[in-house]
Amino acid sequence: FALLFQNQSMIDYLVEALLIFVGTIGIYII
């Protein structure tokens, strides 16, 4: 999405990706 849309810095996109992933840890366990 970042490569094709490019309206944020790559750092922002990566932080958002990390936050989403971290948020899924509890869901995976359950």
PDB file of all heavy atoms in Angstrom:
ATOM      1  N   PHE A   1       0.831  -1.197   0.000  1.00  0.00           N
ATOM      2  CA  PHE A   1       0.000   0.000   0.000  1.00  0.00           C
ATOM      3  C   PHE A   1       0.871   1.254   0.000  1.00  0.00           C
ATOM      4  O   PHE A   1       0.587   2.214  -0.722  1.00  0.00           O
ATOM      5  CB  PHE A   1      -0.911  -0.010   1.229  1.00  0.00           C
ATOM      6  CG  PHE A   1      -1.860   1.152   1.287  1.00  0.00           C
ATOM      7  CD1 PHE A   1      -3.033   1.143   0.558  1.00  0.00           C
ATOM      8  CD2 PHE A   1      -1.576   2.260   2.085  1.00  0.00           C
ATOM      9  CE1 PHE A   1      -3.925   2.219   0.624  1.00  0.00           C
ATOM     10  CE2 PHE A   1      -2.449   3.331   2.156  1.00  0.00           C
ATOM     11  CZ  PHE A   1      -3.625   3.310   1.419  1.00  0.00           C
ATOM     12  N   ALA A   2       1.922   1.234   0.799  1.00  0.00           N
ATOM     13  CA  ALA A   2       2.822   2.388   0.878  1.00  0.00           C
ATOM     14  C   ALA A   2       3.485   2.672  -0.466  1.00  0.00           C
ATOM     15  O   ALA A   2       3.619   3.826  -0.882  1.00  0.00           O
ATOM     16  CB  ALA A   2       3.881   2.148   1.947  1.00  0.00           C
ATOM     17  N   LEU A   3       3.908   1.626  -1.160  1.00  0.00           N
ATOM     18  CA  LEU A   3       4.573   1.793  -2.454  1.00  0.00           C
ATOM     19  C   LEU A   3       3.630   2.342  -3.518  1.00  0.00           C
ATOM     20  O   LEU A   3       4.032   3.132  -4.378  1.00  0.00           O
ATOM     21  CB  LEU A   3       5.162   0.461  -2.919  1.00  0.00           C
ATOM     22  CG  LEU A   3       6.373  -0.058  -2.124  1.00  0.00           C
ATOM     23  CD1 LEU A   3       6.716  -1.479  -2.556  1.00  0.00           C
ATOM     24  CD2 LEU A   3       7.565   0.865  -2.299  1.00  0.00           C
ATOM     25  N   LEU A   4       2.365   1.940  -3.446  1.00  0.00           N
ATOM     26  CA  LEU A   4       1.421   2.332  -4.483  1.00  0.00           C
ATOM     27  C   LEU A   4       0.666   3.616  -4.155  1.00  0.00           C
ATOM     28  O   LEU A   4       0.157   4.285  -5.054  1.00  0.00           O
ATOM     29  CB  LEU A   4       0.416   1.188  -4.720  1.00  0.00           C
ATOM     30  CG  LEU A   4       1.005  -0.122  -5.240  1.00  0.00           C
ATOM     31  CD1 LEU A   4      -0.075  -1.184  -5.360  1.00  0.00           C
ATOM     32  CD2 LEU A   4       1.681   0.099  -6.589  1.00  0.00           C
ATOM     33  N   PHE A   5       0.570   3.956  -2.875  1.00  0.00           N
ATOM     34  CA  PHE A   5      -0.208   5.133  -2.484  1.00  0.00           C
ATOM     35  C   PHE A   5       0.688   6.309  -2.091  1.00  0.00           C
ATOM     36  O   PHE A   5       0.437   7.442  -2.498  1.00  0.00           O
ATOM     37  CB  PHE A   5      -1.158   4.775  -1.344  1.00  0.00           C
ATOM     38  CG  PHE A   5      -2.243   5.789  -1.152  1.00  0.00           C
ATOM     39  CD1 PHE A   5      -3.275   5.895  -2.080  1.00  0.00           C
ATOM     40  CD2 PHE A   5      -2.254   6.633  -0.053  1.00  0.00           C
ATOM     41  CE1 PHE A   5      -4.290   6.836  -1.909  1.00  0.00           C
ATOM     42  CE2 PHE A   5      -3.262   7.558   0.125  1.00  0.00           C
ATOM     43  CZ  PHE A   5      -4.274   7.659  -0.795  1.00  0.00           C
ATOM     44  N   GLN A   6       1.674   6.064  -1.272  1.00  0.00           N
ATOM     45  CA  GLN A   6       2.713   7.053  -0.950  1.00  0.00           C
ATOM     46  C   GLN A   6       2.177   8.399  -0.464  1.00  0.00           C
ATOM     47  O   GLN A   6       2.430   9.433  -1.067  1.00  0.00           O
ATOM     48  CB  GLN A   6       3.599   7.288  -2.179  1.00  0.00           C
ATOM     49  CG  GLN A   6       4.353   6.057  -2.632  1.00  0.00           C
ATOM     50  CD  GLN A   6       5.202   6.314  -3.853  1.00  0.00           C
ATOM     51  OE1 GLN A   6       5.073   7.343  -4.512  1.00  0.00           O
ATOM     52  NE2 GLN A   6       6.074   5.383  -4.187  1.00  0.00           N
ATOM     53  N   ASN A   7       1.476   8.387   0.653  1.00  0.00           N
ATOM     54  CA  ASN A   7       1.038   9.662   1.213  1.00  0.00           C
ATOM     55  C   ASN A   7       1.519   9.850   2.645  1.00  0.00           C
ATOM     56  O   ASN A   7       1.214  10.848   3.275  1.00  0.00           O
ATOM     57  CB  ASN A   7      -0.491   9.764   1.170  1.00  0.00           C
ATOM     58  CG  ASN A   7      -0.970  11.183   1.355  1.00  0.00           C
ATOM     59  OD1 ASN A   7      -0.599  12.071   0.594  1.00  0.00           O
ATOM     60  ND2 ASN A   7      -1.773  11.420   2.381  1.00  0.00           N
ATOM     61  N   GLN A   8       2.263   8.880   3.150  1.00  0.00           N
ATOM     62  CA  GLN A   8       2.901   8.969   4.462  1.00  0.00           C
ATOM     63  C   GLN A   8       4.365   8.599   4.285  1.00  0.00           C
ATOM     64  O   GLN A   8       4.761   8.043   3.267  1.00  0.00           O
ATOM     65  CB  GLN A   8       2.264   7.969   5.441  1.00  0.00           C
ATOM     66  CG  GLN A   8       0.916   8.346   5.973  1.00  0.00           C
ATOM     67  CD  GLN A   8       0.484   7.421   7.098  1.00  0.00           C
ATOM     68  OE1 GLN A   8       0.008   7.859   8.127  1.00  0.00           O
ATOM     69  NE2 GLN A   8       0.653   6.123   6.910  1.00  0.00           N
ATOM     70  N   SER A   9       5.146   8.896   5.315  1.00  0.00           N
ATOM     71  CA  SER A   9       6.526   8.427   5.288  1.00  0.00           C
ATOM     72  C   SER A   9       6.545   6.921   5.521  1.00  0.00           C
ATOM     73  O   SER A   9       5.628   6.357   6.133  1.00  0.00           O
ATOM     74  CB  SER A   9       7.342   9.129   6.379  1.00  0.00           C
ATOM     75  OG  SER A   9       6.933   8.684   7.665  1.00  0.00           O
ATOM     76  N   MET A  10       7.578   6.274   5.036  1.00  0.00           N
ATOM     77  CA  MET A  10       7.694   4.831   5.234  1.00  0.00           C
ATOM     78  C   MET A  10       7.797   4.493   6.716  1.00  0.00           C
ATOM     79  O   MET A  10       7.307   3.444   7.152  1.00  0.00           O
ATOM     80  CB  MET A  10       8.917   4.297   4.488  1.00  0.00           C
ATOM     81  CG  MET A  10       9.065   2.771   4.544  1.00  0.00           C
ATOM     82  SD  MET A  10       7.606   1.877   3.914  1.00  0.00           S
ATOM     83  CE  MET A  10       7.762   2.183   2.153  1.00  0.00           C
ATOM     84  N   ILE A  11       8.385   5.388   7.500  1.00  0.00           N
ATOM     85  CA  ILE A  11       8.474   5.169   8.953  1.00  0.00           C
ATOM     86  C   ILE A  11       7.084   5.067   9.566  1.00  0.00           C
ATOM     87  O   ILE A  11       6.800   4.177  10.374  1.00  0.00           O
ATOM     88  CB  ILE A  11       9.266   6.303   9.638  1.00  0.00           C
ATOM     89  CG1 ILE A  11      10.726   6.305   9.164  1.00  0.00           C
ATOM     90  CG2 ILE A  11       9.192   6.150  11.156  1.00  0.00           C
ATOM     91  CD1 ILE A  11      11.479   5.050   9.539  1.00  0.00           C
ATOM     92  N   ASP A  12       6.187   5.988   9.173  1.00  0.00           N
ATOM     93  CA  ASP A  12       4.815   5.953   9.693  1.00  0.00           C
ATOM     94  C   ASP A  12       4.129   4.647   9.318  1.00  0.00           C
ATOM     95  O   ASP A  12       3.439   4.029  10.136  1.00  0.00           O
ATOM     96  CB  ASP A  12       4.010   7.136   9.167  1.00  0.00           C
ATOM     97  CG  ASP A  12       4.324   8.427   9.899  1.00  0.00           C
ATOM     98  OD1 ASP A  12       4.727   8.351  11.075  1.00  0.00           O
ATOM     99  OD2 ASP A  12       4.187   9.507   9.298  1.00  0.00           O
ATOM    100  N   TYR A  13       4.296   4.232   8.065  1.00  0.00           N
ATOM    101  CA  TYR A  13       3.677   2.979   7.626  1.00  0.00           C
ATOM    102  C   TYR A  13       4.209   1.789   8.421  1.00  0.00           C
ATOM    103  O   TYR A  13       3.455   0.894   8.813  1.00  0.00           O
ATOM    104  CB  TYR A  13       3.932   2.755   6.135  1.00  0.00           C
ATOM    105  CG  TYR A  13       2.989   3.497   5.221  1.00  0.00           C
ATOM    106  CD1 TYR A  13       3.465   4.417   4.295  1.00  0.00           C
ATOM    107  CD2 TYR A  13       1.614   3.263   5.273  1.00  0.00           C
ATOM    108  CE1 TYR A  13       2.599   5.094   3.441  1.00  0.00           C
ATOM    109  CE2 TYR A  13       0.743   3.940   4.421  1.00  0.00           C
ATOM    110  CZ  TYR A  13       1.236   4.846   3.507  1.00  0.00           C
ATOM    111  OH  TYR A  13       0.383   5.510   2.668  1.00  0.00           O
ATOM    112  N   LEU A  14       5.514   1.773   8.663  1.00  0.00           N
ATOM    113  CA  LEU A  14       6.110   0.652   9.393  1.00  0.00           C
ATOM    114  C   LEU A  14       5.657   0.644  10.857  1.00  0.00           C
ATOM    115  O   LEU A  14       5.425  -0.430  11.427  1.00  0.00           O
ATOM    116  CB  LEU A  14       7.638   0.726   9.306  1.00  0.00           C
ATOM    117  CG  LEU A  14       8.229   0.435   7.925  1.00  0.00           C
ATOM    118  CD1 LEU A  14       9.750   0.632   7.942  1.00  0.00           C
ATOM    119  CD2 LEU A  14       7.895  -0.984   7.465  1.00  0.00           C
ATOM    120  N   VAL A  15       5.542   1.819  11.461  1.00  0.00           N
ATOM    121  CA  VAL A  15       5.042   1.897  12.837  1.00  0.00           C
ATOM    122  C   VAL A  15       3.610   1.370  12.901  1.00  0.00           C
ATOM    123  O   VAL A  15       3.251   0.611  13.805  1.00  0.00           O
ATOM    124  CB  VAL A  15       5.109   3.345  13.360  1.00  0.00           C
ATOM    125  CG1 VAL A  15       4.365   3.459  14.700  1.00  0.00           C
ATOM    126  CG2 VAL A  15       6.550   3.782  13.542  1.00  0.00           C
ATOM    127  N   GLU A  16       2.795   1.756  11.932  1.00  0.00           N
ATOM    128  CA  GLU A  16       1.410   1.287  11.892  1.00  0.00           C
ATOM    129  C   GLU A  16       1.344  -0.225  11.708  1.00  0.00           C
ATOM    130  O   GLU A  16       0.522  -0.907  12.336  1.00  0.00           O
ATOM    131  CB  GLU A  16       0.663   2.015  10.766  1.00  0.00           C
ATOM    132  CG  GLU A  16       0.403   3.474  11.087  1.00  0.00           C
ATOM    133  CD  GLU A  16       0.246   4.357   9.866  1.00  0.00           C
ATOM    134  OE1 GLU A  16       0.283   3.809   8.734  1.00  0.00           O
ATOM    135  OE2 GLU A  16       0.096   5.580  10.031  1.00  0.00           O
ATOM    136  N   ALA A  17       2.227  -0.754  10.860  1.00  0.00           N
ATOM    137  CA  ALA A  17       2.277  -2.207  10.663  1.00  0.00           C
ATOM    138  C   ALA A  17       2.663  -2.913  11.955  1.00  0.00           C
ATOM    139  O   ALA A  17       2.075  -3.942  12.314  1.00  0.00           O
ATOM    140  CB  ALA A  17       3.272  -2.547   9.549  1.00  0.00           C
ATOM    141  N   LEU A  18       3.638  -2.356  12.659  1.00  0.00           N
ATOM    142  CA  LEU A  18       4.089  -2.958  13.918  1.00  0.00           C
ATOM    143  C   LEU A  18       2.980  -2.921  14.963  1.00  0.00           C
ATOM    144  O   LEU A  18       2.767  -3.904  15.690  1.00  0.00           O
ATOM    145  CB  LEU A  18       5.327  -2.217  14.430  1.00  0.00           C
ATOM    146  CG  LEU A  18       5.946  -2.768  15.726  1.00  0.00           C
ATOM    147  CD1 LEU A  18       6.400  -4.204  15.542  1.00  0.00           C
ATOM    148  CD2 LEU A  18       7.126  -1.895  16.164  1.00  0.00           C
ATOM    149  N   LEU A  19       2.253  -1.814  15.028  1.00  0.00           N
ATOM    150  CA  LEU A  19       1.167  -1.691  16.004  1.00  0.00           C
ATOM    151  C   LEU A  19       0.056  -2.703  15.720  1.00  0.00           C
ATOM    152  O   LEU A  19      -0.477  -3.330  16.638  1.00  0.00           O
ATOM    153  CB  LEU A  19       0.603  -0.275  15.985  1.00  0.00           C
ATOM    154  CG  LEU A  19       1.489   0.815  16.584  1.00  0.00           C
ATOM    155  CD1 LEU A  19       0.891   2.193  16.333  1.00  0.00           C
ATOM    156  CD2 LEU A  19       1.684   0.593  18.082  1.00  0.00           C
ATOM    157  N   ILE A  20      -0.284  -2.860  14.450  1.00  0.00           N
ATOM    158  CA  ILE A  20      -1.317  -3.835  14.090  1.00  0.00           C
ATOM    159  C   ILE A  20      -0.859  -5.240  14.466  1.00  0.00           C
ATOM    160  O   ILE A  20      -1.625  -6.021  15.057  1.00  0.00           O
ATOM    161  CB  ILE A  20      -1.640  -3.757  12.586  1.00  0.00           C
ATOM    162  CG1 ILE A  20      -2.341  -2.435  12.267  1.00  0.00           C
ATOM    163  CG2 ILE A  20      -2.519  -4.938  12.158  1.00  0.00           C
ATOM    164  CD1 ILE A  20      -2.570  -2.202  10.784  1.00  0.00           C
ATOM    165  N   PHE A  21       0.399  -5.569  14.134  1.00  0.00           N
ATOM    166  CA  PHE A  21       0.904  -6.908  14.442  1.00  0.00           C
ATOM    167  C   PHE A  21       0.921  -7.165  15.948  1.00  0.00           C
ATOM    168  O   PHE A  21       0.444  -8.210  16.416  1.00  0.00           O
ATOM    169  CB  PHE A  21       2.309  -7.085  13.878  1.00  0.00           C
ATOM    170  CG  PHE A  21       2.998  -8.309  14.423  1.00  0.00           C
ATOM    171  CD1 PHE A  21       2.573  -9.579  14.063  1.00  0.00           C
ATOM    172  CD2 PHE A  21       4.039  -8.183  15.327  1.00  0.00           C
ATOM    173  CE1 PHE A  21       3.192 -10.708  14.586  1.00  0.00           C
ATOM    174  CE2 PHE A  21       4.660  -9.300  15.852  1.00  0.00           C
ATOM    175  CZ  PHE A  21       4.237 -10.568  15.484  1.00  0.00           C
ATOM    176  N   VAL A  22       1.451  -6.221  16.705  1.00  0.00           N
ATOM    177  CA  VAL A  22       1.495  -6.380  18.167  1.00  0.00           C
ATOM    178  C   VAL A  22       0.084  -6.558  18.723  1.00  0.00           C
ATOM    179  O   VAL A  22      -0.152  -7.354  19.638  1.00  0.00           O
ATOM    180  CB  VAL A  22       2.189  -5.164  18.818  1.00  0.00           C
ATOM    181  CG1 VAL A  22       2.013  -5.193  20.330  1.00  0.00           C
ATOM    182  CG2 VAL A  22       3.673  -5.156  18.463  1.00  0.00           C
ATOM    183  N   GLY A  23      -0.855  -5.838  18.137  1.00  0.00           N
ATOM    184  CA  GLY A  23      -2.231  -5.944  18.579  1.00  0.00           C
ATOM    185  C   GLY A  23      -2.864  -7.299  18.311  1.00  0.00           C
ATOM    186  O   GLY A  23      -3.861  -7.663  18.945  1.00  0.00           O
ATOM    187  N   THR A  24      -2.293  -8.066  17.376  1.00  0.00           N
ATOM    188  CA  THR A  24      -2.871  -9.375  17.040  1.00  0.00           C
ATOM    189  C   THR A  24      -2.354 -10.506  17.930  1.00  0.00           C
ATOM    190  O   THR A  24      -2.906 -11.612  17.881  1.00  0.00           O
ATOM    191  CB  THR A  24      -2.570  -9.761  15.579  1.00  0.00           C
ATOM    192  OG1 THR A  24      -1.148  -9.939  15.399  1.00  0.00           O
ATOM    193  CG2 THR A  24      -3.069  -8.701  14.607  1.00  0.00           C
ATOM    194  N   ILE A  25      -1.329 -10.260  18.724  1.00  0.00           N
ATOM    195  CA  ILE A  25      -0.724 -11.342  19.506  1.00  0.00           C
ATOM    196  C   ILE A  25      -1.748 -12.014  20.419  1.00  0.00           C
ATOM    197  O   ILE A  25      -1.850 -13.244  20.476  1.00  0.00           O
ATOM    198  CB  ILE A  25       0.476 -10.822  20.321  1.00  0.00           C
ATOM    199  CG1 ILE A  25       1.601 -10.382  19.380  1.00  0.00           C
ATOM    200  CG2 ILE A  25       0.985 -11.910  21.277  1.00  0.00           C
ATOM    201  CD1 ILE A  25       2.792  -9.742  20.074  1.00  0.00           C
ATOM    202  N   GLY A  26      -2.523 -11.205  21.131  1.00  0.00           N
ATOM    203  CA  GLY A  26      -3.538 -11.765  22.017  1.00  0.00           C
ATOM    204  C   GLY A  26      -4.590 -12.555  21.251  1.00  0.00           C
ATOM    205  O   GLY A  26      -5.081 -13.590  21.735  1.00  0.00           O
ATOM    206  N   ILE A  27      -4.938 -12.088  20.051  1.00  0.00           N
ATOM    207  CA  ILE A  27      -5.942 -12.785  19.237  1.00  0.00           C
ATOM    208  C   ILE A  27      -5.422 -14.151  18.810  1.00  0.00           C
ATOM    209  O   ILE A  27      -6.159 -15.149  18.851  1.00  0.00           O
ATOM    210  CB  ILE A  27      -6.311 -11.940  18.002  1.00  0.00           C
ATOM    211  CG1 ILE A  27      -6.814 -10.563  18.429  1.00  0.00           C
ATOM    212  CG2 ILE A  27      -7.368 -12.655  17.164  1.00  0.00           C
ATOM    213  CD1 ILE A  27      -7.104  -9.628  17.266  1.00  0.00           C
ATOM    214  N   TYR A  28      -4.158 -14.207  18.403  1.00  0.00           N
ATOM    215  CA  TYR A  28      -3.568 -15.494  18.004  1.00  0.00           C
ATOM    216  C   TYR A  28      -3.596 -16.487  19.166  1.00  0.00           C
ATOM    217  O   TYR A  28      -3.929 -17.664  18.982  1.00  0.00           O
ATOM    218  CB  TYR A  28      -2.129 -15.299  17.531  1.00  0.00           C
ATOM    219  CG  TYR A  28      -1.989 -14.985  16.065  1.00  0.00           C
ATOM    220  CD1 TYR A  28      -1.645 -13.709  15.633  1.00  0.00           C
ATOM    221  CD2 TYR A  28      -2.192 -15.963  15.099  1.00  0.00           C
ATOM    222  CE1 TYR A  28      -1.521 -13.408  14.280  1.00  0.00           C
ATOM    223  CE2 TYR A  28      -2.063 -15.680  13.745  1.00  0.00           C
ATOM    224  CZ  TYR A  28      -1.724 -14.406  13.345  1.00  0.00           C
ATOM    225  OH  TYR A  28      -1.606 -14.121  12.011  1.00  0.00           O
ATOM    226  N   ILE A  29      -3.242 -16.020  20.359  1.00  0.00           N
ATOM    227  CA  ILE A  29      -3.227 -16.912  21.528  1.00  0.00           C
ATOM    228  C   ILE A  29      -4.625 -17.457  21.810  1.00  0.00           C
ATOM    229  O   ILE A  29      -4.828 -18.659  22.014  1.00  0.00           O
ATOM    230  CB  ILE A  29      -2.675 -16.178  22.767  1.00  0.00           C
ATOM    231  CG1 ILE A  29      -1.210 -15.793  22.550  1.00  0.00           C
ATOM    232  CG2 ILE A  29      -2.804 -17.069  24.006  1.00  0.00           C
ATOM    233  CD1 ILE A  29      -0.636 -14.915  23.655  1.00  0.00           C
ATOM    234  N   ILE A  30      -5.611 -16.558  21.825  1.00  0.00           N
ATOM    235  CA  ILE A  30      -6.981 -16.976  22.130  1.00  0.00           C
ATOM    236  C   ILE A  30      -7.509 -17.957  21.083  1.00  0.00           C
ATOM    237  O   ILE A  30      -8.057 -19.018  21.419  1.00  0.00           O
ATOM    238  CB  ILE A  30      -7.914 -15.750  22.219  1.00  0.00           C
ATOM    239  CG1 ILE A  30      -7.535 -14.870  23.414  1.00  0.00           C
ATOM    240  CG2 ILE A  30      -9.378 -16.195  22.338  1.00  0.00           C
ATOM    241  CD1 ILE A  30      -8.263 -13.544  23.447  1.00  0.00           C
TER     242      ILE A  30
END
